[in-house]
PDB file of all heavy atoms in Angstrom:
ATOM      1  N   GLU A   1      25.486 -37.155  20.364  1.00  0.00           N
ATOM      2  CA  GLU A   1      26.589 -37.750  19.786  1.00  0.00           C
ATOM      3  C   GLU A   1      26.371 -39.210  19.538  1.00  0.00           C
ATOM      4  O   GLU A   1      25.788 -39.888  20.580  1.00  0.00           O
ATOM      5  CB  GLU A   1      27.867 -37.594  20.665  1.00  0.00           C
ATOM      6  CG  GLU A   1      28.332 -36.299  20.853  1.00  0.00           C
ATOM      7  CD  GLU A   1      29.461 -36.125  21.825  1.00  0.00           C
ATOM      8  OE1 GLU A   1      30.156 -37.154  22.202  1.00  0.00           O
ATOM      9  OE2 GLU A   1      29.753 -34.998  22.295  1.00  0.00           O
ATOM     10  N   ILE A   2      26.677 -39.799  18.470  1.00  0.00           N
ATOM     11  CA  ILE A   2      26.466 -41.252  18.147  1.00  0.00           C
ATOM     12  C   ILE A   2      27.970 -41.918  18.244  1.00  0.00           C
ATOM     13  O   ILE A   2      28.800 -41.470  17.416  1.00  0.00           O
ATOM     14  CB  ILE A   2      25.898 -41.594  16.736  1.00  0.00           C
ATOM     15  CG1 ILE A   2      24.536 -40.710  16.610  1.00  0.00           C
ATOM     16  CG2 ILE A   2      25.708 -43.007  16.602  1.00  0.00           C
ATOM     17  CD1 ILE A   2      23.571 -40.879  17.677  1.00  0.00           C
ATOM     18  N   ARG A   3      28.109 -42.857  19.134  1.00  0.00           N
ATOM     19  CA  ARG A   3      29.361 -43.523  19.288  1.00  0.00           C
ATOM     20  C   ARG A   3      29.275 -45.010  19.089  1.00  0.00           C
ATOM     21  O   ARG A   3      28.252 -45.688  19.344  1.00  0.00           O
ATOM     22  CB  ARG A   3      29.915 -43.230  20.654  1.00  0.00           C
ATOM     23  CG  ARG A   3      30.142 -41.787  20.966  1.00  0.00           C
ATOM     24  CD  ARG A   3      30.686 -41.536  22.345  1.00  0.00           C
ATOM     25  NE  ARG A   3      30.767 -40.171  22.667  1.00  0.00           N
ATOM     26  CZ  ARG A   3      30.884 -39.820  23.884  1.00  0.00           C
ATOM     27  NH1 ARG A   3      30.848 -40.536  24.983  1.00  0.00           N
ATOM     28  NH2 ARG A   3      31.003 -38.416  24.163  1.00  0.00           N
ATOM     29  N   ASP A   4      30.374 -45.592  18.619  1.00  0.00           N
ATOM     30  CA  ASP A   4      30.500 -47.099  18.471  1.00  0.00           C
ATOM     31  C   ASP A   4      29.353 -47.702  17.798  1.00  0.00           C
ATOM     32  O   ASP A   4      28.902 -48.803  18.125  1.00  0.00           O
ATOM     33  CB  ASP A   4      30.726 -47.676  19.854  1.00  0.00           C
ATOM     34  CG  ASP A   4      31.283 -49.090  19.816  1.00  0.00           C
ATOM     35  OD1 ASP A   4      31.982 -49.336  18.819  1.00  0.00           O
ATOM     36  OD2 ASP A   4      31.007 -49.868  20.754  1.00  0.00           O
ATOM     37  N   ALA A   5      28.888 -47.053  16.661  1.00  0.00           N
ATOM     38  CA  ALA A   5      27.784 -47.700  15.927  1.00  0.00           C
ATOM     39  C   ALA A   5      28.284 -48.850  15.022  1.00  0.00           C
ATOM     40  O   ALA A   5      29.266 -48.622  14.440  1.00  0.00           O
ATOM     41  CB  ALA A   5      27.004 -46.640  15.088  1.00  0.00           C
ATOM     42  N   TYR A   6      27.462 -49.933  14.963  1.00  0.00           N
ATOM     43  CA  TYR A   6      27.784 -51.007  14.019  1.00  0.00           C
ATOM     44  C   TYR A   6      26.451 -51.634  13.681  1.00  0.00           C
ATOM     45  O   TYR A   6      25.477 -51.576  14.390  1.00  0.00           O
ATOM     46  CB  TYR A   6      28.747 -51.989  14.590  1.00  0.00           C
ATOM     47  CG  TYR A   6      28.277 -52.979  15.557  1.00  0.00           C
ATOM     48  CD1 TYR A   6      27.861 -54.195  15.385  1.00  0.00           C
ATOM     49  CD2 TYR A   6      28.099 -52.447  16.942  1.00  0.00           C
ATOM     50  CE1 TYR A   6      27.368 -55.069  16.360  1.00  0.00           C
ATOM     51  CE2 TYR A   6      27.738 -53.336  17.946  1.00  0.00           C
ATOM     52  CZ  TYR A   6      27.337 -54.603  17.671  1.00  0.00           C
ATOM     53  OH  TYR A   6      26.925 -55.512  18.601  1.00  0.00           O
ATOM     54  N   ALA A   7      26.413 -52.353  12.538  1.00  0.00           N
ATOM     55  CA  ALA A   7      25.214 -52.998  12.117  1.00  0.00           C
ATOM     56  C   ALA A   7      25.659 -54.479  11.775  1.00  0.00           C
ATOM     57  O   ALA A   7      26.739 -54.844  11.618  1.00  0.00           O
ATOM     58  CB  ALA A   7      24.653 -52.348  10.838  1.00  0.00           C
ATOM     59  N   ARG A   8      24.631 -55.309  11.687  1.00  0.00           N
ATOM     60  CA  ARG A   8      24.966 -56.744  11.483  1.00  0.00           C
ATOM     61  C   ARG A   8      23.610 -57.439  10.961  1.00  0.00           C
ATOM     62  O   ARG A   8      22.564 -56.866  11.284  1.00  0.00           O
ATOM     63  CB  ARG A   8      25.481 -57.470  12.703  1.00  0.00           C
ATOM     64  CG  ARG A   8      24.556 -57.622  13.913  1.00  0.00           C
ATOM     65  CD  ARG A   8      25.145 -58.519  15.003  1.00  0.00           C
ATOM     66  NE  ARG A   8      25.145 -59.909  14.565  1.00  0.00           N
ATOM     67  CZ  ARG A   8      26.267 -60.642  14.278  1.00  0.00           C
ATOM     68  NH1 ARG A   8      27.415 -60.172  14.253  1.00  0.00           N
ATOM     69  NH2 ARG A   8      26.128 -61.910  14.015  1.00  0.00           N
ATOM     70  N   ALA A   9      23.830 -58.493  10.269  1.00  0.00           N
ATOM     71  CA  ALA A   9      22.666 -59.436   9.939  1.00  0.00           C
ATOM     72  C   ALA A   9      23.092 -60.856  10.298  1.00  0.00           C
ATOM     73  O   ALA A   9      24.323 -61.045  10.459  1.00  0.00           O
ATOM     74  CB  ALA A   9      22.370 -59.341   8.453  1.00  0.00           C
ATOM     75  N   ALA A  10      22.252 -61.809  10.348  1.00  0.00           N
ATOM     76  CA  ALA A  10      22.489 -63.131  10.810  1.00  0.00           C
ATOM     77  C   ALA A  10      23.332 -63.853   9.760  1.00  0.00           C
ATOM     78  O   ALA A  10      24.160 -64.658  10.126  1.00  0.00           O
ATOM     79  CB  ALA A  10      21.172 -63.912  11.136  1.00  0.00           C
ATOM     80  N   SER A  11      23.080 -63.524   8.547  1.00  0.00           N
ATOM     81  CA  SER A  11      23.833 -64.135   7.457  1.00  0.00           C
ATOM     82  C   SER A  11      23.841 -63.278   6.231  1.00  0.00           C
ATOM     83  O   SER A  11      23.046 -62.357   6.119  1.00  0.00           O
ATOM     84  CB  SER A  11      23.191 -65.494   7.051  1.00  0.00           C
ATOM     85  OG  SER A  11      22.072 -65.324   6.353  1.00  0.00           O
ATOM     86  N   PRO A  12      24.646 -63.495   5.184  1.00  0.00           N
ATOM     87  CA  PRO A  12      24.668 -62.797   4.014  1.00  0.00           C
ATOM     88  C   PRO A  12      23.297 -62.704   3.228  1.00  0.00           C
ATOM     89  O   PRO A  12      22.922 -61.771   2.587  1.00  0.00           O
ATOM     90  CB  PRO A  12      25.712 -63.313   3.073  1.00  0.00           C
ATOM     91  CG  PRO A  12      26.600 -63.908   4.048  1.00  0.00           C
ATOM     92  CD  PRO A  12      25.744 -64.492   5.168  1.00  0.00           C
ATOM     93  N   MET A  13      22.560 -63.728   3.416  1.00  0.00           N
ATOM     94  CA  MET A  13      21.183 -63.786   2.782  1.00  0.00           C
ATOM     95  C   MET A  13      20.071 -63.349   3.708  1.00  0.00           C
ATOM     96  O   MET A  13      18.878 -63.411   3.186  1.00  0.00           O
ATOM     97  CB  MET A  13      20.999 -65.277   2.243  1.00  0.00           C
ATOM     98  CG  MET A  13      22.006 -65.721   1.298  1.00  0.00           C
ATOM     99  SD  MET A  13      22.266 -64.638  -0.086  1.00  0.00           S
ATOM    100  CE  MET A  13      20.713 -64.830  -0.992  1.00  0.00           C
ATOM    101  N   ALA A  14      20.345 -62.975   4.838  1.00  0.00           N
ATOM    102  CA  ALA A  14      19.206 -62.567   5.796  1.00  0.00           C
ATOM    103  C   ALA A  14      18.483 -61.416   5.197  1.00  0.00           C
ATOM    104  O   ALA A  14      18.925 -60.533   4.467  1.00  0.00           O
ATOM    105  CB  ALA A  14      19.840 -62.188   7.132  1.00  0.00           C
ATOM    106  N   MET A  15      17.157 -61.420   5.526  1.00  0.00           N
ATOM    107  CA  MET A  15      16.204 -60.370   5.088  1.00  0.00           C
ATOM    108  C   MET A  15      16.010 -59.272   6.146  1.00  0.00           C
ATOM    109  O   MET A  15      15.280 -58.396   5.915  1.00  0.00           O
ATOM    110  CB  MET A  15      14.883 -60.959   4.758  1.00  0.00           C
ATOM    111  CG  MET A  15      14.867 -61.847   3.484  1.00  0.00           C
ATOM    112  SD  MET A  15      15.609 -60.978   1.973  1.00  0.00           S
ATOM    113  CE  MET A  15      14.398 -59.693   1.769  1.00  0.00           C
ATOM    114  N   ALA A  16      16.746 -59.466   7.199  1.00  0.00           N
ATOM    115  CA  ALA A  16      16.607 -58.421   8.343  1.00  0.00           C
ATOM    116  C   ALA A  16      18.073 -58.175   8.978  1.00  0.00           C
ATOM    117  O   ALA A  16      18.921 -59.069   8.785  1.00  0.00           O
ATOM    118  CB  ALA A  16      15.723 -58.933   9.396  1.00  0.00           C
ATOM    119  N   GLY A  17      18.289 -57.001   9.358  1.00  0.00           N
ATOM    120  CA  GLY A  17      19.598 -56.644  10.090  1.00  0.00           C
ATOM    121  C   GLY A  17      19.218 -55.693  11.194  1.00  0.00           C
ATOM    122  O   GLY A  17      18.114 -55.199  11.422  1.00  0.00           O
ATOM    123  N   ALA A  18      20.160 -55.305  12.002  1.00  0.00           N
ATOM    124  CA  ALA A  18      20.031 -54.502  13.098  1.00  0.00           C
ATOM    125  C   ALA A  18      21.292 -53.550  13.314  1.00  0.00           C
ATOM    126  O   ALA A  18      22.316 -53.889  12.876  1.00  0.00           O
ATOM    127  CB  ALA A  18      19.733 -55.233  14.406  1.00  0.00           C
ATOM    128  N   ALA A  19      21.106 -52.339  13.956  1.00  0.00           N
ATOM    129  CA  ALA A  19      22.165 -51.500  14.166  1.00  0.00           C
ATOM    130  C   ALA A  19      22.099 -51.236  15.727  1.00  0.00           C
ATOM    131  O   ALA A  19      21.007 -51.121  16.354  1.00  0.00           O
ATOM    132  CB  ALA A  19      22.027 -50.258  13.380  1.00  0.00           C
ATOM    133  N   PHE A  20      23.337 -51.060  16.268  1.00  0.00           N
ATOM    134  CA  PHE A  20      23.537 -50.828  17.691  1.00  0.00           C
ATOM    135  C   PHE A  20      24.464 -49.627  17.895  1.00  0.00           C
ATOM    136  O   PHE A  20      25.306 -49.438  17.023  1.00  0.00           O
ATOM    137  CB  PHE A  20      24.143 -52.188  18.225  1.00  0.00           C
ATOM    138  CG  PHE A  20      23.309 -53.392  17.864  1.00  0.00           C
ATOM    139  CD1 PHE A  20      23.939 -54.079  16.770  1.00  0.00           C
ATOM    140  CD2 PHE A  20      22.129 -53.692  18.371  1.00  0.00           C
ATOM    141  CE1 PHE A  20      23.204 -55.312  16.431  1.00  0.00           C
ATOM    142  CE2 PHE A  20      21.525 -54.876  17.955  1.00  0.00           C
ATOM    143  CZ  PHE A  20      22.036 -55.700  16.891  1.00  0.00           C
ATOM    144  N   MET A  21      24.293 -48.962  18.978  1.00  0.00           N
ATOM    145  CA  MET A  21      25.217 -47.819  19.163  1.00  0.00           C
ATOM    146  C   MET A  21      24.952 -47.216  20.547  1.00  0.00           C
ATOM    147  O   MET A  21      24.025 -47.589  21.261  1.00  0.00           O
ATOM    148  CB  MET A  21      24.858 -46.697  18.167  1.00  0.00           C
ATOM    149  CG  MET A  21      23.424 -46.132  18.351  1.00  0.00           C
ATOM    150  SD  MET A  21      22.727 -45.302  16.722  1.00  0.00           S
ATOM    151  CE  MET A  21      22.431 -46.715  15.753  1.00  0.00           C
ATOM    152  N   GLU A  22      25.873 -46.220  20.991  1.00  0.00           N
ATOM    153  CA  GLU A  22      25.656 -45.487  22.095  1.00  0.00           C
ATOM    154  C   GLU A  22      25.137 -44.108  21.642  1.00  0.00           C
ATOM    155  O   GLU A  22      25.667 -43.478  20.649  1.00  0.00           O
ATOM    156  CB  GLU A  22      27.027 -45.114  22.772  1.00  0.00           C
ATOM    157  CG  GLU A  22      27.625 -46.398  23.448  1.00  0.00           C
ATOM    158  CD  GLU A  22      29.018 -46.079  23.993  1.00  0.00           C
ATOM    159  OE1 GLU A  22      29.056 -44.995  24.758  1.00  0.00           O
ATOM    160  OE2 GLU A  22      29.897 -46.812  23.800  1.00  0.00           O
ATOM    161  N   ILE A  23      24.064 -43.626  22.249  1.00  0.00           N
ATOM    162  CA  ILE A  23      23.616 -42.256  21.993  1.00  0.00           C
ATOM    163  C   ILE A  23      23.855 -41.409  23.170  1.00  0.00           C
ATOM    164  O   ILE A  23      23.319 -41.693  24.261  1.00  0.00           O
ATOM    165  CB  ILE A  23      22.100 -42.235  21.549  1.00  0.00           C
ATOM    166  CG1 ILE A  23      21.787 -43.254  20.431  1.00  0.00           C
ATOM    167  CG2 ILE A  23      21.567 -40.882  21.254  1.00  0.00           C
ATOM    168  CD1 ILE A  23      20.343 -43.494  20.234  1.00  0.00           C
ATOM    169  N   VAL A  24      24.766 -40.406  23.026  1.00  0.00           N
ATOM    170  CA  VAL A  24      25.117 -39.575  24.158  1.00  0.00           C
ATOM    171  C   VAL A  24      24.478 -38.248  24.016  1.00  0.00           C
ATOM    172  O   VAL A  24      24.722 -37.585  23.094  1.00  0.00           O
ATOM    173  CB  VAL A  24      26.679 -39.532  24.257  1.00  0.00           C
ATOM    174  CG1 VAL A  24      27.155 -38.646  25.406  1.00  0.00           C
ATOM    175  CG2 VAL A  24      27.355 -40.828  24.222  1.00  0.00           C
ATOM    176  N   ASN A  25      23.818 -37.828  25.078  1.00  0.00           N
ATOM    177  CA  ASN A  25      23.253 -36.437  25.162  1.00  0.00           C
ATOM    178  C   ASN A  25      23.977 -35.641  26.126  1.00  0.00           C
ATOM    179  O   ASN A  25      24.016 -35.905  27.358  1.00  0.00           O
ATOM    180  CB  ASN A  25      21.833 -36.613  25.622  1.00  0.00           C
ATOM    181  CG  ASN A  25      21.004 -35.231  25.650  1.00  0.00           C
ATOM    182  OD1 ASN A  25      21.667 -34.188  25.457  1.00  0.00           O
ATOM    183  ND2 ASN A  25      19.816 -35.292  25.818  1.00  0.00           N
ATOM    184  N   THR A  26      24.876 -34.769  25.599  1.00  0.00           N
ATOM    185  CA  THR A  26      25.733 -33.842  26.365  1.00  0.00           C
ATOM    186  C   THR A  26      25.115 -32.629  26.847  1.00  0.00           C
ATOM    187  O   THR A  26      25.547 -31.853  27.609  1.00  0.00           O
ATOM    188  CB  THR A  26      26.993 -33.507  25.645  1.00  0.00           C
ATOM    189  OG1 THR A  26      26.607 -32.756  24.427  1.00  0.00           O
ATOM    190  CG2 THR A  26      27.780 -34.794  25.245  1.00  0.00           C
ATOM    191  N   GLY A  27      23.815 -32.437  26.315  1.00  0.00           N
ATOM    192  CA  GLY A  27      23.039 -31.154  26.617  1.00  0.00           C
ATOM    193  C   GLY A  27      22.287 -31.348  27.983  1.00  0.00           C
ATOM    194  O   GLY A  27      22.278 -32.389  28.635  1.00  0.00           O
ATOM    195  N   ASP A  28      21.541 -30.239  28.354  1.00  0.00           N
ATOM    196  CA  ASP A  28      20.813 -30.151  29.592  1.00  0.00           C
ATOM    197  C   ASP A  28      19.357 -30.426  29.378  1.00  0.00           C
ATOM    198  O   ASP A  28      18.529 -30.357  30.329  1.00  0.00           O
ATOM    199  CB  ASP A  28      21.006 -28.728  30.117  1.00  0.00           C
ATOM    200  CG  ASP A  28      22.434 -28.465  30.620  1.00  0.00           C
ATOM    201  OD1 ASP A  28      23.064 -29.461  31.100  1.00  0.00           O
ATOM    202  OD2 ASP A  28      22.873 -27.253  30.476  1.00  0.00           O
ATOM    203  N   THR A  29      18.969 -30.775  28.187  1.00  0.00           N
ATOM    204  CA  THR A  29      17.565 -31.052  27.794  1.00  0.00           C
ATOM    205  C   THR A  29      17.442 -32.533  27.384  1.00  0.00           C
ATOM    206  O   THR A  29      18.217 -32.974  26.451  1.00  0.00           O
ATOM    207  CB  THR A  29      17.155 -30.100  26.674  1.00  0.00           C
ATOM    208  OG1 THR A  29      17.342 -28.815  26.997  1.00  0.00           O
ATOM    209  CG2 THR A  29      15.636 -30.390  26.220  1.00  0.00           C
ATOM    210  N   PRO A  30      16.499 -33.287  27.868  1.00  0.00           N
ATOM    211  CA  PRO A  30      16.316 -34.658  27.426  1.00  0.00           C
ATOM    212  C   PRO A  30      15.824 -34.665  25.969  1.00  0.00           C
ATOM    213  O   PRO A  30      15.275 -33.634  25.490  1.00  0.00           O
ATOM    214  CB  PRO A  30      15.250 -35.164  28.331  1.00  0.00           C
ATOM    215  CG  PRO A  30      14.623 -34.056  29.043  1.00  0.00           C
ATOM    216  CD  PRO A  30      15.609 -32.939  28.941  1.00  0.00           C
ATOM    217  N   ASP A  31      16.164 -35.718  25.328  1.00  0.00           N
ATOM    218  CA  ASP A  31      15.707 -35.895  23.855  1.00  0.00           C
ATOM    219  C   ASP A  31      15.156 -37.285  23.694  1.00  0.00           C
ATOM    220  O   ASP A  31      15.105 -38.070  24.626  1.00  0.00           O
ATOM    221  CB  ASP A  31      16.833 -35.660  22.847  1.00  0.00           C
ATOM    222  CG  ASP A  31      16.335 -35.173  21.510  1.00  0.00           C
ATOM    223  OD1 ASP A  31      15.209 -35.311  21.211  1.00  0.00           O
ATOM    224  OD2 ASP A  31      17.290 -34.499  20.798  1.00  0.00           O
ATOM    225  N   ARG A  32      14.686 -37.578  22.513  1.00  0.00           N
ATOM    226  CA  ARG A  32      14.093 -38.888  22.199  1.00  0.00           C
ATOM    227  C   ARG A  32      14.336 -39.276  20.860  1.00  0.00           C
ATOM    228  O   ARG A  32      14.064 -38.542  19.912  1.00  0.00           O
ATOM    229  CB  ARG A  32      12.536 -38.923  22.535  1.00  0.00           C
ATOM    230  CG  ARG A  32      11.842 -40.187  22.321  1.00  0.00           C
ATOM    231  CD  ARG A  32      10.431 -40.170  22.797  1.00  0.00           C
ATOM    232  NE  ARG A  32      10.315 -40.112  24.112  1.00  0.00           N
ATOM    233  CZ  ARG A  32      10.338 -41.168  24.934  1.00  0.00           C
ATOM    234  NH1 ARG A  32      10.401 -42.307  24.429  1.00  0.00           N
ATOM    235  NH2 ARG A  32      10.121 -41.065  26.225  1.00  0.00           N
ATOM    236  N   LEU A  33      14.930 -40.515  20.656  1.00  0.00           N
ATOM    237  CA  LEU A  33      15.058 -41.006  19.324  1.00  0.00           C
ATOM    238  C   LEU A  33      13.724 -41.603  18.945  1.00  0.00           C
ATOM    239  O   LEU A  33      13.162 -42.401  19.575  1.00  0.00           O
ATOM    240  CB  LEU A  33      16.094 -42.124  19.333  1.00  0.00           C
ATOM    241  CG  LEU A  33      16.193 -42.919  17.980  1.00  0.00           C
ATOM    242  CD1 LEU A  33      16.706 -41.937  16.832  1.00  0.00           C
ATOM    243  CD2 LEU A  33      17.256 -44.095  18.121  1.00  0.00           C
ATOM    244  N   ILE A  34      13.021 -41.044  17.861  1.00  0.00           N
ATOM    245  CA  ILE A  34      11.734 -41.346  17.524  1.00  0.00           C
ATOM    246  C   ILE A  34      11.546 -42.138  16.178  1.00  0.00           C
ATOM    247  O   ILE A  34      10.590 -42.736  15.913  1.00  0.00           O
ATOM    248  CB  ILE A  34      10.819 -40.074  17.498  1.00  0.00           C
ATOM    249  CG1 ILE A  34      11.374 -39.072  16.491  1.00  0.00           C
ATOM    250  CG2 ILE A  34      10.625 -39.568  18.816  1.00  0.00           C
ATOM    251  CD1 ILE A  34      10.455 -37.822  16.261  1.00  0.00           C
ATOM    252  N   ALA A  35      12.609 -42.174  15.413  1.00  0.00           N
ATOM    253  CA  ALA A  35      12.617 -42.864  14.171  1.00  0.00           C
ATOM    254  C   ALA A  35      13.948 -43.057  13.596  1.00  0.00           C
ATOM    255  O   ALA A  35      14.879 -42.408  14.069  1.00  0.00           O
ATOM    256  CB  ALA A  35      11.590 -42.186  13.109  1.00  0.00           C
ATOM    257  N   ALA A  36      14.072 -43.962  12.584  1.00  0.00           N
ATOM    258  CA  ALA A  36      15.332 -44.013  11.878  1.00  0.00           C
ATOM    259  C   ALA A  36      14.834 -44.340  10.360  1.00  0.00           C
ATOM    260  O   ALA A  36      13.798 -44.954  10.039  1.00  0.00           O
ATOM    261  CB  ALA A  36      16.115 -45.218  12.355  1.00  0.00           C
ATOM    262  N   LYS A  37      15.730 -43.878   9.452  1.00  0.00           N
ATOM    263  CA  LYS A  37      15.436 -44.133   8.047  1.00  0.00           C
ATOM    264  C   LYS A  37      16.774 -44.591   7.310  1.00  0.00           C
ATOM    265  O   LYS A  37      17.778 -44.133   7.748  1.00  0.00           O
ATOM    266  CB  LYS A  37      14.920 -42.862   7.381  1.00  0.00           C
ATOM    267  CG  LYS A  37      13.721 -42.164   7.960  1.00  0.00           C
ATOM    268  CD  LYS A  37      13.435 -40.960   7.219  1.00  0.00           C
ATOM    269  CE  LYS A  37      14.025 -39.697   7.878  1.00  0.00           C
ATOM    270  NZ  LYS A  37      13.487 -38.410   7.243  1.00  0.00           N
ATOM    271  N   ALA A  38      16.553 -45.493   6.380  1.00  0.00           N
ATOM    272  CA  ALA A  38      17.777 -46.052   5.609  1.00  0.00           C
ATOM    273  C   ALA A  38      17.197 -46.549   4.312  1.00  0.00           C
ATOM    274  O   ALA A  38      16.155 -47.251   4.299  1.00  0.00           O
ATOM    275  CB  ALA A  38      18.546 -46.976   6.402  1.00  0.00           C
ATOM    276  N   GLY A  39      18.002 -46.386   3.266  1.00  0.00           N
ATOM    277  CA  GLY A  39      17.629 -46.915   1.898  1.00  0.00           C
ATOM    278  C   GLY A  39      17.936 -48.321   1.757  1.00  0.00           C
ATOM    279  O   GLY A  39      17.559 -48.972   0.709  1.00  0.00           O
ATOM    280  N   VAL A  40      18.598 -49.096   2.723  1.00  0.00           N
ATOM    281  CA  VAL A  40      18.913 -50.469   2.626  1.00  0.00           C
ATOM    282  C   VAL A  40      17.854 -51.381   2.980  1.00  0.00           C
ATOM    283  O   VAL A  40      17.944 -52.633   2.919  1.00  0.00           O
ATOM    284  CB  VAL A  40      20.189 -50.790   3.510  1.00  0.00           C
ATOM    285  CG1 VAL A  40      21.312 -49.931   3.007  1.00  0.00           C
ATOM    286  CG2 VAL A  40      19.927 -50.559   4.936  1.00  0.00           C
ATOM    287  N   ALA A  41      16.653 -50.864   3.372  1.00  0.00           N
ATOM    288  CA  ALA A  41      15.489 -51.776   3.840  1.00  0.00           C
ATOM    289  C   ALA A  41      14.243 -51.181   3.472  1.00  0.00           C
ATOM    290  O   ALA A  41      14.073 -50.036   3.369  1.00  0.00           O
ATOM    291  CB  ALA A  41      15.602 -52.047   5.273  1.00  0.00           C
ATOM    292  N   LYS A  42      13.228 -52.153   3.285  1.00  0.00           N
ATOM    293  CA  LYS A  42      11.817 -51.715   3.034  1.00  0.00           C
ATOM    294  C   LYS A  42      11.246 -51.009   4.142  1.00  0.00           C
ATOM    295  O   LYS A  42      10.463 -50.039   4.092  1.00  0.00           O
ATOM    296  CB  LYS A  42      11.041 -52.922   2.617  1.00  0.00           C
ATOM    297  CG  LYS A  42      11.449 -53.493   1.298  1.00  0.00           C
ATOM    298  CD  LYS A  42      10.516 -54.742   1.010  1.00  0.00           C
ATOM    299  CE  LYS A  42      10.997 -55.403  -0.300  1.00  0.00           C
ATOM    300  NZ  LYS A  42      10.329 -56.689  -0.523  1.00  0.00           N
ATOM    301  N   ARG A  43      11.660 -51.467   5.376  1.00  0.00           N
ATOM    302  CA  ARG A  43      11.142 -50.805   6.621  1.00  0.00           C
ATOM    303  C   ARG A  43      12.261 -50.704   7.591  1.00  0.00           C
ATOM    304  O   ARG A  43      13.070 -51.592   7.741  1.00  0.00           O
ATOM    305  CB  ARG A  43      10.022 -51.563   7.260  1.00  0.00           C
ATOM    306  CG  ARG A  43       8.624 -51.648   6.568  1.00  0.00           C
ATOM    307  CD  ARG A  43       7.499 -52.147   7.380  1.00  0.00           C
ATOM    308  NE  ARG A  43       7.790 -53.052   8.496  1.00  0.00           N
ATOM    309  CZ  ARG A  43       7.366 -54.304   8.506  1.00  0.00           C
ATOM    310  NH1 ARG A  43       6.679 -54.727   7.592  1.00  0.00           N
ATOM    311  NH2 ARG A  43       7.597 -55.051   9.496  1.00  0.00           N
TER     312      ARG A  43
END
């Protein structure tokens, strides 16, 4: 489950931004976030 996610950049003209969130694993097996993809950035 992804909770309380939000993103921000330092200014409207910034070339970088970041996202923050809680990742809740309610299951009995560990998992791993290995990547993220979005069309709003080159990388």
